Each structure stands twice: as structure tokens, then as C-alpha cells.
Amino acid sequence: MTDHKDQQSNAGLWDNVTSALEKVGMSPLGLILLIIVAVLPLFPPFNQEHIVRWLIMGAFLAAQAVAFDFTAGYISVVNFGFAAILGLGAYTSAILANEMPFLIVQPGISPWIGIWIGAILAGVVGLGLGWLTLRLRGIFAAVMAWFVGIALLGLVKNLTGLTRGAMGLHPKSLLPTTANLPYYYIILVMMLVVYVALRLVTRSHFGLAFKAIGQNLEAARASGINPTKYRVFNFALSCMFAGWLGGFYAHYYGSLTPDTVMHTSKTVEVLALAYIGGRGSLWGGMFVAFPFVFFIEYLRSNLTGLPGLHMVIYGVLMVLVMILYPDGVAGLYYWAKEKIASRRS
């Protein structure tokens, strides 16, 4: 009798834990993977500095993939200016933190404050860009976002008194240390904040409206949804998080040039991760980002004579996924989960 009560108590506890995780868009498996990723750099060989840097890049790309998929996967608008918006946040925070005379301004604001100002500015620009472009349909909105991204890139290159153009900036570091581990946990927390925040939005009535708009815009309008309002909100929120992540990039890497952070190829990398991971899943791109970074960095280290090979691999994988399994890794996971559940039942 006591054993039966203990079993019931354990089952009830497990149900409570599962329910709490579900509220923030996580599963027990997702929590286990997150814990593994969190403790990974504490054990050899992952505690080596160059591997911790790879992990940081993995978490950075994972967070970008979540923010990108929030727009591409839910309202079916591909933001080709995503990297430029991220760069806007990076440059804003770097300029605000500047104390050196080589720029025309020396505000000297703390990077911890600057990354939030950069995020707000990116969100405001995203709001304006969304208001202008998201009245358009189909490819027109994506192309317009791309053109605006190119315009931002051109401004950064030409406003040399403010950005130093192609010479680049060397922003102040977030932390007074050269160790990579503290930065890893900062970007890991940022990744988690981006995911949980956007997952909570998609679980609300906003998420229902996004899905309706993404599936059939005219049907959504006929049911009383204002497509422009919801699309602009979605776009602005995605841009705000992109700008926030850009601030981290600036103050972690300590080097900013227009082409290394704002080029369209950077958007393509994030787009590939989001699509391979599974559009509309949010977590799919986040899941594939870490193994992809390790794979790409391994190729870069061993095939130095083939620059740009990673872009070819991204392209080939995207084509294969779109042809063979359009739902990506997330779709494969849900398929396997349903198969296992049906066998058990």
C-alpha cells in the first residue's frame, strides 16, 4: 500500500515538473540537453579555450536562429536584413561605450546598458521597417528588408567619423577578463531568454494570430485579424532581440567591421540553421546550431585552402531538407515521438 502511494506521489511530482517545463516551452529532454550544454565546458576536452569559443558561437547562432524563425516560421516573412539589424545593435552599443578620441563621440556608457539601448534602437528600426514593408506580400517584403539591410551596411561603411567604416571598431569588453567561460554562460542565458520569451508569445493569442496569418493571410483577415498589426509586432520583437545579441557580439569579440557582422551571408547562415532545424519550431535551429558550429570549425581548421566551404554545405543541406524532409529536424523528432507513442499504446 505504501509503495503504491509512493508511486502515485512520484507520478504526481513528475507531472508537475513536466507541466512547469511545458509552460516555458521546454520538455524534460530539452532540459537534459540544456544541462549537458551548460556543463560541457567544465570537462575535457571541451574546457579548452578554443572549444569554449566554438560553444559561444554555437549559442550565439542558436539564439539568432530562434529570433529569425519567430518571423520566418510564424508569419512566413524572411527577414534578409536580419544581420544588418543585429549589426545596428552591435554598433550602437560599441559607439555608446566608446571613450577613445578616434570617434567624434565618447559617451563612455557601460556596455551592460549599451546593449539594451542597441536592442531598443534595433526594435524601433524593425518597427518602422515592418510598418513600411509588411503591407507588401510575398517576396516583396523580404526583398524590401534586404534593401534596407544593404542601406544600413552602406551607412556604417560611409559614416567613418562615427563607425570608422572598413577600419573597424574595437569595443570595450563586457567583462574584465580574457577567459571565455564567463562569456559562455552569459550568451547561454541570453539564448534561453530569447527562446522562452518568444515561446511564451507564441503560446498566447498573438501566436494563434501569427499562425493564422502565416497559413492564409486572407482567411486570417476575413476572421477579423489585422495582419499588418500582428506582422509588424512580430517583426519588431525579432529585430529587438537581434540587436540585443549584436551588443553581446560587439563586447565579446571586441572587433567590429561592417562585413563581418552585417553582410547578407551572415543572414543566410542563420536562415539555413532555422530551416534545417525546422521552420516554426523555434527550438529546431537552436538544437542544430551547436553540432553545426563544431562541424564547420573543424572543416575550417583542416581545409584552409577551401574558404567559404561552409556556405556550400549550408546550401546543400538546405536543398536536401526542403526536398526530402521540409519539416526539418524538429519534424523528424515529432514523427519519431508519435511512432514511439503509438507502439506503446
Foldseek 3Di string as FASTA:
>chain_A
DVVVVVVVVVVVVVVVVQVVQVLLPHGPVRVVVLVCLLCVCVDPPCVDQVNLVLSLQLLLLLLLLLLQLLQCQQQNAHQLQLLLLLQQLQLQLQLCCACDPQAPDRNNDQLVVSLQVLLVVLLVVLLVLLLVQVVDDDCRSNVSSNVVLVVSLVVLQPPCNRAVHQVWFQGAANDPDLGSSVLSVVSSVLSSCSSSVSVNCLVDVLVVLSNVNNVPVVVSVVVPDDSSVSSSVSRSNSSSSSSSSSSSVCNNVRIDHSCVRRDSVVSLVSVLLNQQLFRPSSNRSSVVSSVLSVVVVVCCVVVVVDPPVSVVVSVVSNVCCVVPPRRHPVVVVVVVVVVVVVVVD
